[in-house]
Amino acid sequence: MSSNLRFGYSAQDFSKFRHYAWRYLLMFSFLYCTLYCCRLNLSNASAVMMSDLGWTTSDIGILTGTMFWTYGLGQIVNGRISEVVGPARFVFCAVLLSAAANILFSFQTSIVMMAVLWGLNGYFQSMAWTPGLATLTRWWPGSTRGFATGFAHAFSGFGQVAATLSVTFAFAVFPELGWRAAFLVPAAFPLVMLVLYKFSAKPGPSSIGLSEYQEETESMAEQEIAMREIVRTRGKLYPYRYVFSDRRFDLWMVVAFATGLARYGLVTWVPLYFIDQFGIRITDGLLSSLALPVGMGIGTLVVPWLSDYLYLNNRLKACVHSAVIGAVAVYVFFLLDPTVTWELILIEILLFVAGFCIYAINGTAWAFATDIGARMFSATAAGCLNFSAYMGAAVQSLVYGFLLDSGGWNIVFLSIAACCLLIALLGTLSGAHKVQ
């Protein structure tokens, strides 16, 4: 946040505002990072569960897909509800309930009961991101939100690293627990971080004795005035109609779906691809896939931030180059053999590039959500986009799981590359035609 912008504050008040804005951003980002330990641990534990329980990829696909459906449906509901009743309590409950679901999951033997618990875990996880994003808009004005949302979202990319490392650590330290270690040990990390978040993060400027900030541009200020009037006169459900009436938002819904399919298509299946196709040890397969989430974290930090300066009026244009490069990286990755040393090095580079590009697109979506929703209903907009993204994730989980039982890996990676090219096409169309 630039120090020459006061946003309606005196120099002393702005210094205080900026301090707490950074504090919230850091605390929420770290908390959300650790929350991934209770979400992606199932994907990282899938090979061990298949070995210990005799499951197939279809079983894993059904189980992981259960979370995606409930997470997506929770997003479209919880975003708006949190704006009405207050987002702070949602984030707190999300962590407690998700950790509890993971612990209970570790004691189950029935796949039906596991699916129920994992579905509940998906809903609990959906109570964190959009409410957190809504609070973020209270601390970060419009011209800085690409950076702020990209920064927070970067930690969900790093959260995938944290999830992989937490599962690897659990297997190494508690081998006698088998697959159950992947759900008991990771649950501790977000609980510890929740304590720090509770005592450090503040829900808005009014909680520290400051007035709300003023937007720096006339158009942003006018937009917020109009939104306040909408909330006052049109009813609590009208924000849904507001965002869907914007045709560019509808394009972003398709982009979010394609990005969710591509992102989780890689996150869910790349570790198993290494293990299944090349006989790599389970822990080595997990570690070999780490370049993907590292690239994701960096990509979603950099590209949304740049969109603040280059594409503030049409962030879809920021996605075109990322999508094309991501498609090429995924396609070439599939042609290489990780058992050959020089090809393994190239694979790690390509996974980093694919993660960087695909997650950059996903991160830019949240900047757009705060553009269209501002402080009034950014959680509503983000919830709708996240719903679409996780419908893509749910589709890939179910479809790929069954296809891998009867077919080959080519359909997975070729369709992911095709999704990236679709995103590039939509981004190009948004720039070629004025979308109201």
Protein backbone atom coordinates (compact mmCIF):
# COMPACT_ATOMS: atom_id res chain seq x y z
CA MET A 1 0.00 0.00 0.00
CA SER A 2 1.59 3.24 -1.15
CA SER A 3 2.41 5.67 1.65
CA ASN A 4 1.41 8.71 -0.44
CA LEU A 5 -2.23 7.60 -0.45
CA ARG A 6 -4.20 8.63 2.62
CA PHE A 7 -7.70 7.38 1.70
CA GLY A 8 -9.29 10.09 3.82
CA TYR A 9 -6.98 9.63 6.83
CA SER A 10 -4.53 11.98 8.47
CA ALA A 11 -0.90 10.89 8.30
CA GLN A 12 -1.04 9.48 11.84
CA ASP A 13 -4.31 7.61 11.31
CA PHE A 14 -3.15 6.29 7.94
CA SER A 15 -0.03 4.85 9.54
CA LYS A 16 -2.22 3.04 12.06
CA PHE A 17 -4.61 1.90 9.34
CA ARG A 18 -1.80 0.53 7.18
CA HIS A 19 -0.28 -1.33 10.14
CA TYR A 20 -3.52 -3.16 10.90
CA ALA A 21 -4.26 -3.73 7.21
CA TRP A 22 -0.97 -5.60 6.88
CA ARG A 23 -1.59 -7.42 10.12
CA TYR A 24 -4.94 -8.71 8.93
CA LEU A 25 -3.53 -9.67 5.54
CA LEU A 26 -0.67 -11.64 7.08
CA MET A 27 -2.74 -13.36 9.76
CA PHE A 28 -5.52 -14.39 7.40
CA SER A 29 -3.03 -15.55 4.77
CA PHE A 30 -1.11 -17.73 7.23
CA LEU A 31 -4.33 -19.12 8.70
CA TYR A 32 -5.74 -19.98 5.29
CA CYS A 33 -2.43 -21.58 4.33
CA THR A 34 -2.59 -24.00 7.27
CA LEU A 35 -6.27 -24.72 6.63
CA TYR A 36 -5.20 -26.47 3.43
CA CYS A 37 -3.58 -29.13 5.61
CA CYS A 38 -7.15 -30.25 6.37
CA ARG A 39 -8.28 -30.13 2.74
CA LEU A 40 -5.59 -31.47 0.41
CA ASN A 41 -4.33 -34.12 2.80
CA LEU A 42 -6.74 -36.61 1.22
CA SER A 43 -5.18 -36.17 -2.23
CA ASN A 44 -1.71 -36.58 -0.74
CA ALA A 45 -2.77 -39.66 1.20
CA SER A 46 -4.64 -41.29 -1.70
CA ALA A 47 -1.87 -43.71 -2.72
CA VAL A 48 -1.49 -45.00 0.86
CA MET A 49 -5.26 -45.31 1.26
CA MET A 50 -5.50 -47.27 -1.99
CA SER A 51 -2.77 -49.60 -0.72
CA ASP A 52 -4.07 -49.99 2.85
CA LEU A 53 -7.79 -50.15 2.06
CA GLY A 54 -7.74 -51.77 -1.38
CA TRP A 55 -9.44 -48.79 -3.00
CA THR A 56 -9.43 -47.83 -6.69
CA THR A 57 -9.00 -44.44 -8.34
CA SER A 58 -12.82 -44.37 -8.68
CA ASP A 59 -13.13 -44.58 -4.89
CA ILE A 60 -10.64 -41.74 -4.47
CA GLY A 61 -12.44 -39.72 -7.14
CA ILE A 62 -15.79 -40.12 -5.40
CA LEU A 63 -14.36 -39.19 -2.02
CA THR A 64 -12.45 -36.11 -3.18
CA GLY A 65 -15.39 -35.06 -5.35
CA THR A 66 -17.69 -35.07 -2.32
CA MET A 67 -15.71 -32.21 -0.82
CA PHE A 68 -15.69 -30.22 -4.05
CA TRP A 69 -19.49 -30.33 -4.35
CA THR A 70 -20.16 -29.29 -0.77
CA TYR A 71 -17.38 -26.70 -0.81
CA GLY A 72 -18.76 -25.14 -3.98
CA LEU A 73 -22.35 -25.10 -2.75
CA GLY A 74 -21.19 -23.68 0.58
CA GLN A 75 -19.37 -20.87 -1.20
CA ILE A 76 -22.41 -19.58 -3.03
CA VAL A 77 -24.39 -19.50 0.24
CA ASN A 78 -21.83 -18.53 2.86
CA GLY A 79 -20.44 -15.55 1.00
CA ARG A 80 -23.72 -13.66 1.20
CA ILE A 81 -24.66 -14.92 4.68
CA SER A 82 -21.32 -13.75 6.09
CA GLU A 83 -21.95 -10.24 4.74
CA VAL A 84 -25.28 -10.13 6.56
CA VAL A 85 -24.24 -11.59 9.94
CA GLY A 86 -20.52 -10.69 9.97
CA PRO A 87 -17.60 -12.61 8.47
CA ALA A 88 -15.33 -12.94 11.53
CA ARG A 89 -17.26 -15.77 13.20
CA PHE A 90 -17.38 -17.72 9.94
CA VAL A 91 -13.59 -17.91 9.67
CA PHE A 92 -13.27 -19.00 13.30
CA CYS A 93 -15.89 -21.74 12.96
CA ALA A 94 -14.41 -22.93 9.65
CA VAL A 95 -11.11 -23.87 11.28
CA LEU A 96 -12.60 -25.56 14.35
CA LEU A 97 -15.15 -27.59 12.42
CA SER A 98 -12.77 -28.61 9.63
CA ALA A 99 -10.15 -29.85 12.11
CA ALA A 100 -12.86 -31.82 13.97
CA ALA A 101 -14.07 -33.41 10.71
CA ASN A 102 -10.50 -34.51 9.89
CA ILE A 103 -10.00 -36.07 13.30
CA LEU A 104 -13.30 -37.95 13.11
CA PHE A 105 -12.48 -39.06 9.54
CA SER A 106 -9.33 -40.79 10.75
CA PHE A 107 -11.37 -43.17 12.92
CA GLN A 108 -13.67 -44.37 10.12
CA THR A 109 -13.62 -47.59 8.11
CA SER A 110 -16.78 -47.19 6.02
CA ILE A 111 -16.35 -45.30 2.76
CA VAL A 112 -19.93 -44.05 3.08
CA MET A 113 -19.24 -42.48 6.48
CA MET A 114 -15.96 -41.11 5.16
CA ALA A 115 -17.80 -39.50 2.25
CA VAL A 116 -20.30 -37.90 4.65
CA LEU A 117 -17.53 -36.50 6.86
CA TRP A 118 -15.48 -35.31 3.90
CA GLY A 119 -18.54 -33.63 2.46
CA LEU A 120 -19.11 -31.85 5.77
CA ASN A 121 -15.45 -30.87 5.79
CA GLY A 122 -15.94 -29.28 2.37
CA TYR A 123 -18.79 -27.17 3.69
CA PHE A 124 -16.80 -26.16 6.76
CA GLN A 125 -13.84 -25.17 4.57
CA SER A 126 -16.18 -23.02 2.46
CA MET A 127 -16.80 -20.82 5.52
CA ALA A 128 -13.28 -19.35 5.42
CA TRP A 129 -12.24 -17.88 2.07
CA THR A 130 -15.09 -15.59 1.01
CA PRO A 131 -15.73 -14.18 4.52
CA GLY A 132 -12.00 -13.59 4.85
CA LEU A 133 -11.99 -11.86 1.49
CA ALA A 134 -14.90 -9.67 2.59
CA THR A 135 -12.91 -8.55 5.63
CA LEU A 136 -9.89 -7.96 3.42
CA THR A 137 -11.84 -5.38 1.40
CA ARG A 138 -12.42 -3.43 4.61
CA TRP A 139 -8.67 -2.99 4.97
CA TRP A 140 -7.48 -2.72 1.34
CA PRO A 141 -9.02 -0.08 -0.98
CA GLY A 142 -9.88 -0.80 -4.60
CA SER A 143 -6.61 0.20 -6.22
CA THR A 144 -4.64 -2.14 -3.94
CA ARG A 145 -6.89 -5.20 -3.94
CA GLY A 146 -5.16 -7.00 -6.77
CA PHE A 147 -2.06 -7.11 -4.60
CA ALA A 148 -3.95 -7.94 -1.39
CA THR A 149 -6.14 -10.70 -2.83
CA GLY A 150 -3.17 -12.07 -4.79
CA PHE A 151 -1.06 -12.11 -1.62
CA ALA A 152 -3.72 -13.94 0.39
CA HIS A 153 -4.42 -16.33 -2.46
CA ALA A 154 -0.70 -17.04 -2.84
CA PHE A 155 -0.83 -18.63 0.58
CA SER A 156 -3.46 -21.07 -0.63
CA GLY A 157 -0.86 -22.12 -3.20
CA PHE A 158 1.71 -22.38 -0.44
CA GLY A 159 -0.98 -24.17 1.54
CA GLN A 160 -0.70 -27.00 -0.93
CA VAL A 161 3.00 -27.16 -0.10
CA ALA A 162 2.11 -27.13 3.61
CA ALA A 163 -0.43 -29.93 3.08
CA THR A 164 2.10 -32.08 1.22
CA LEU A 165 4.81 -31.51 3.81
CA SER A 166 2.42 -32.13 6.72
CA VAL A 167 1.31 -35.47 5.24
CA THR A 168 4.90 -36.46 4.42
CA PHE A 169 5.89 -35.55 7.99
CA ALA A 170 2.95 -37.52 9.40
CA PHE A 171 3.87 -40.65 7.44
CA ALA A 172 7.53 -40.37 8.44
CA VAL A 173 6.96 -39.79 12.17
CA PHE A 174 3.90 -41.99 12.71
CA PRO A 175 4.20 -44.85 10.20
CA GLU A 176 2.31 -47.17 12.54
CA LEU A 177 -0.84 -45.08 12.02
CA GLY A 178 -0.85 -45.71 8.26
CA TRP A 179 -3.20 -43.50 6.26
CA ARG A 180 -4.83 -42.18 9.44
CA ALA A 181 -1.73 -40.11 10.25
CA ALA A 182 -2.55 -37.88 7.25
CA PHE A 183 -5.72 -36.69 8.98
CA LEU A 184 -4.66 -36.55 12.63
CA VAL A 185 -1.33 -34.68 12.40
CA PRO A 186 -2.26 -31.98 9.82
CA ALA A 187 -5.34 -30.97 11.86
CA ALA A 188 -3.06 -29.50 14.54
CA PHE A 189 -1.54 -26.80 12.31
CA PRO A 190 -4.63 -24.64 11.61
CA LEU A 191 -5.71 -24.92 15.25
CA VAL A 192 -2.42 -23.40 16.42
CA MET A 193 -2.62 -20.67 13.79
CA LEU A 194 -6.22 -19.89 14.77
CA VAL A 195 -5.06 -18.79 18.22
CA LEU A 196 -2.64 -16.28 16.69
CA TYR A 197 -5.29 -15.07 14.24
CA LYS A 198 -7.87 -14.59 16.99
CA PHE A 199 -5.66 -12.23 18.99
CA SER A 200 -3.95 -10.39 16.11
CA ALA A 201 -6.42 -9.82 13.26
CA LYS A 202 -9.06 -7.09 13.50
CA PRO A 203 -12.34 -7.18 11.52
CA GLY A 204 -12.20 -3.59 10.28
CA PRO A 205 -11.03 -0.01 10.92
CA SER A 206 -13.90 0.70 13.32
CA SER A 207 -12.54 -2.00 15.67
CA ILE A 208 -9.41 0.13 16.24
CA GLY A 209 -11.20 3.47 16.55
CA LEU A 210 -10.86 4.62 12.92
CA SER A 211 -13.49 5.64 10.39
CA GLU A 212 -13.88 3.61 7.21
CA TYR A 213 -11.46 4.53 4.43
CA GLN A 214 -12.50 6.59 1.41
CA GLU A 215 -11.88 5.32 -2.11
CA GLU A 216 -9.27 7.35 -3.95
CA THR A 217 -11.01 7.52 -7.35
CA GLU A 218 -14.36 9.11 -8.09
CA SER A 219 -15.67 6.08 -10.02
CA MET A 220 -14.93 3.68 -7.14
CA ALA A 221 -16.51 6.04 -4.62
CA GLU A 222 -19.64 6.38 -6.75
CA GLN A 223 -19.83 2.61 -7.17
CA GLU A 224 -19.81 2.06 -3.41
CA ILE A 225 -22.52 4.70 -2.88
CA ALA A 226 -24.68 2.93 -5.45
CA MET A 227 -24.06 -0.42 -3.79
CA ARG A 228 -25.02 0.86 -0.37
CA GLU A 229 -28.29 2.08 -1.85
CA ILE A 230 -28.85 -1.35 -3.44
CA VAL A 231 -28.34 -3.07 -0.12
CA ARG A 232 -30.68 -0.62 1.60
CA THR A 233 -33.54 -0.71 -0.91
CA ARG A 234 -33.39 -3.94 -2.91
CA GLY A 235 -33.27 -6.64 -0.26
CA LYS A 236 -30.63 -9.04 0.97
CA LEU A 237 -30.66 -11.36 -2.05
CA TYR A 238 -30.42 -8.65 -4.71
CA PRO A 239 -26.58 -8.71 -4.79
CA TYR A 240 -26.81 -12.05 -6.64
CA ARG A 241 -28.86 -10.42 -9.38
CA TYR A 242 -26.47 -7.49 -9.44
CA VAL A 243 -23.34 -9.54 -10.12
CA PHE A 244 -24.98 -11.90 -12.63
CA SER A 245 -26.35 -8.97 -14.63
CA ASP A 246 -22.76 -8.05 -15.52
CA ARG A 247 -21.81 -10.01 -18.66
CA ARG A 248 -18.14 -9.89 -17.81
CA PHE A 249 -18.93 -11.61 -14.52
CA ASP A 250 -20.66 -14.37 -16.50
CA LEU A 251 -17.47 -14.83 -18.53
CA TRP A 252 -15.51 -15.04 -15.30
CA MET A 253 -17.84 -17.82 -14.11
CA VAL A 254 -16.81 -19.93 -17.12
CA VAL A 255 -13.15 -19.05 -16.56
CA ALA A 256 -13.45 -20.04 -12.89
CA PHE A 257 -14.96 -23.42 -13.85
CA ALA A 258 -12.17 -24.15 -16.33
CA THR A 259 -9.51 -23.01 -13.88
CA GLY A 260 -10.95 -25.18 -11.10
CA LEU A 261 -10.89 -28.22 -13.38
CA ALA A 262 -7.31 -27.53 -14.49
CA ARG A 263 -5.99 -26.66 -11.04
CA TYR A 264 -7.42 -29.63 -9.19
CA GLY A 265 -6.83 -31.90 -12.14
CA LEU A 266 -3.13 -31.30 -11.54
CA VAL A 267 -3.18 -31.15 -7.74
CA THR A 268 -5.25 -34.32 -7.34
CA TRP A 269 -3.64 -36.57 -9.91
CA VAL A 270 0.00 -35.54 -10.52
CA PRO A 271 1.33 -37.26 -7.34
CA LEU A 272 -0.56 -40.45 -8.23
CA TYR A 273 0.63 -40.18 -11.85
CA PHE A 274 4.26 -40.30 -10.71
CA ILE A 275 3.58 -43.27 -8.44
CA ASP A 276 1.33 -45.23 -10.80
CA GLN A 277 3.17 -44.75 -14.11
CA PHE A 278 6.80 -44.72 -13.04
CA GLY A 279 6.91 -46.72 -9.82
CA ILE A 280 8.18 -43.79 -7.76
CA ARG A 281 7.92 -44.22 -3.97
CA ILE A 282 4.93 -42.55 -2.35
CA THR A 283 6.94 -39.96 -0.40
CA ASP A 284 9.13 -39.25 -3.44
CA GLY A 285 6.01 -38.84 -5.59
CA LEU A 286 4.61 -36.30 -3.16
CA LEU A 287 7.86 -34.35 -3.00
CA SER A 288 8.32 -34.48 -6.80
CA SER A 289 5.00 -32.67 -7.22
CA LEU A 290 5.92 -29.79 -4.88
CA ALA A 291 7.06 -27.57 -7.76
CA LEU A 292 3.40 -27.29 -8.79
CA PRO A 293 2.03 -25.59 -5.64
CA VAL A 294 5.18 -23.46 -5.25
CA GLY A 295 4.55 -22.12 -8.75
CA MET A 296 0.90 -21.61 -7.88
CA GLY A 297 1.73 -19.52 -4.85
CA ILE A 298 4.14 -17.26 -6.71
CA GLY A 299 1.93 -16.93 -9.80
CA THR A 300 -1.14 -15.80 -7.91
CA LEU A 301 0.96 -13.29 -6.00
CA VAL A 302 2.55 -11.69 -9.08
CA VAL A 303 -0.11 -11.57 -11.81
CA PRO A 304 -3.07 -10.13 -9.82
CA TRP A 305 -0.73 -7.47 -8.42
CA LEU A 306 0.35 -6.52 -11.94
CA SER A 307 -3.30 -6.37 -12.99
CA ASP A 308 -3.74 -3.42 -10.57
CA TYR A 309 -1.47 -1.42 -12.88
CA LEU A 310 -2.02 -2.94 -16.33
CA TYR A 311 -5.57 -4.30 -16.50
CA LEU A 312 -7.58 -2.66 -13.72
CA ASN A 313 -10.60 -2.14 -16.01
CA ASN A 314 -10.52 -5.62 -17.56
CA ARG A 315 -8.57 -8.17 -15.54
CA LEU A 316 -9.57 -10.99 -17.91
CA LYS A 317 -6.94 -9.71 -20.33
CA ALA A 318 -4.29 -10.56 -17.74
CA CYS A 319 -5.25 -14.22 -18.10
CA VAL A 320 -4.59 -14.73 -21.82
CA HIS A 321 -0.83 -15.16 -21.78
CA SER A 322 -0.93 -17.17 -18.57
CA ALA A 323 -3.47 -19.57 -20.06
CA VAL A 324 -1.51 -20.21 -23.28
CA ILE A 325 1.78 -20.78 -21.47
CA GLY A 326 0.03 -23.03 -18.93
CA ALA A 327 -1.48 -25.17 -21.72
CA VAL A 328 1.92 -25.69 -23.34
CA ALA A 329 3.57 -26.53 -20.00
CA VAL A 330 0.95 -29.18 -19.13
CA TYR A 331 1.14 -30.78 -22.58
CA VAL A 332 4.94 -31.00 -22.65
CA PHE A 333 5.04 -32.27 -19.05
CA PHE A 334 2.98 -35.30 -20.09
CA LEU A 335 5.52 -36.22 -22.79
CA LEU A 336 8.43 -36.54 -20.33
CA ASP A 337 9.71 -39.40 -18.16
CA PRO A 338 10.60 -38.52 -14.52
CA THR A 339 12.90 -41.55 -14.23
CA VAL A 340 15.34 -39.84 -16.63
CA THR A 341 17.36 -37.26 -14.70
CA TRP A 342 17.39 -34.42 -17.22
CA GLU A 343 13.71 -34.95 -18.01
CA LEU A 344 12.85 -34.90 -14.28
CA ILE A 345 14.53 -31.50 -14.01
CA LEU A 346 12.49 -30.25 -16.96
CA ILE A 347 9.34 -31.74 -15.43
CA GLU A 348 9.92 -29.78 -12.21
CA ILE A 349 10.33 -26.57 -14.24
CA LEU A 350 7.18 -27.27 -16.26
CA LEU A 351 5.14 -28.05 -13.15
CA PHE A 352 6.29 -24.76 -11.65
CA VAL A 353 5.31 -22.89 -14.83
CA ALA A 354 1.94 -24.66 -15.09
CA GLY A 355 1.15 -23.91 -11.46
CA PHE A 356 2.30 -20.30 -11.84
CA CYS A 357 0.07 -19.67 -14.85
CA ILE A 358 -3.06 -21.58 -13.86
CA TYR A 359 -3.22 -20.26 -10.33
CA ALA A 360 -2.47 -16.72 -11.50
CA ILE A 361 -5.74 -16.89 -13.42
CA ASN A 362 -7.56 -18.13 -10.34
CA GLY A 363 -6.03 -15.39 -8.19
CA THR A 364 -7.00 -12.66 -10.64
CA ALA A 365 -10.63 -13.80 -10.30
CA TRP A 366 -10.67 -12.72 -6.66
CA ALA A 367 -9.35 -9.28 -7.55
CA PHE A 368 -12.21 -8.99 -10.03
CA ALA A 369 -14.69 -10.18 -7.37
CA THR A 370 -13.63 -7.32 -5.09
CA ASP A 371 -13.86 -4.91 -8.04
CA ILE A 372 -17.48 -5.77 -8.78
CA GLY A 373 -18.55 -6.31 -5.15
CA ALA A 374 -16.42 -3.71 -3.34
CA ARG A 375 -16.97 -3.56 0.44
CA MET A 376 -20.69 -4.21 0.15
CA PHE A 377 -20.82 -7.70 -1.38
CA SER A 378 -17.41 -8.86 -2.54
CA ALA A 379 -18.08 -12.10 -0.59
CA THR A 380 -21.20 -12.67 -2.71
CA ALA A 381 -19.23 -12.21 -5.93
CA ALA A 382 -16.29 -14.29 -4.71
CA GLY A 383 -18.64 -17.00 -3.47
CA CYS A 384 -20.28 -17.32 -6.89
CA LEU A 385 -16.91 -17.51 -8.64
CA ASN A 386 -15.61 -20.03 -6.13
CA PHE A 387 -18.77 -22.10 -6.58
CA SER A 388 -18.07 -22.28 -10.30
CA ALA A 389 -14.40 -23.11 -9.71
CA TYR A 390 -15.26 -25.98 -7.41
CA MET A 391 -17.89 -27.33 -9.76
CA GLY A 392 -14.98 -27.67 -12.20
CA ALA A 393 -12.97 -29.37 -9.47
CA ALA A 394 -15.85 -31.73 -8.68
CA VAL A 395 -16.32 -32.67 -12.33
CA GLN A 396 -12.66 -33.50 -12.85
CA SER A 397 -12.50 -35.54 -9.66
CA LEU A 398 -15.45 -37.72 -10.58
CA VAL A 399 -14.78 -38.02 -14.31
CA TYR A 400 -11.02 -38.53 -14.14
CA GLY A 401 -11.35 -41.09 -11.35
CA PHE A 402 -13.60 -43.31 -13.49
CA LEU A 403 -11.65 -42.72 -16.71
CA LEU A 404 -8.39 -43.73 -15.06
CA ASP A 405 -9.89 -47.04 -14.01
CA SER A 406 -10.68 -47.90 -17.62
CA GLY A 407 -8.39 -45.72 -19.72
CA GLY A 408 -5.09 -43.87 -19.65
CA TRP A 409 -3.56 -40.69 -18.32
CA ASN A 410 -3.63 -38.85 -21.63
CA ILE A 411 -7.25 -37.71 -21.21
CA VAL A 412 -6.38 -36.00 -17.93
CA PHE A 413 -3.55 -33.81 -19.13
CA LEU A 414 -4.86 -33.13 -22.64
CA SER A 415 -8.21 -31.91 -21.26
CA ILE A 416 -6.41 -29.69 -18.72
CA ALA A 417 -4.43 -28.12 -21.57
CA ALA A 418 -7.70 -27.64 -23.51
CA CYS A 419 -9.26 -25.84 -20.51
CA CYS A 420 -6.35 -23.42 -20.48
CA LEU A 421 -6.84 -22.66 -24.17
CA LEU A 422 -10.55 -22.01 -23.52
CA ILE A 423 -9.60 -19.46 -20.87
CA ALA A 424 -7.25 -17.75 -23.34
CA LEU A 425 -10.08 -17.58 -25.89
CA LEU A 426 -12.49 -16.02 -23.39
CA GLY A 427 -9.88 -13.51 -22.30
CA THR A 428 -9.26 -12.55 -25.92
CA LEU A 429 -12.97 -12.14 -26.60
CA SER A 430 -13.37 -9.92 -23.55
CA GLY A 431 -10.71 -7.61 -24.94
CA ALA A 432 -12.05 -7.64 -28.49
CA HIS A 433 -15.60 -6.70 -27.50
CA LYS A 434 -16.81 -4.16 -24.98
CA VAL A 435 -18.61 -6.09 -22.24
CA GLN A 436 -21.02 -4.19 -20.09
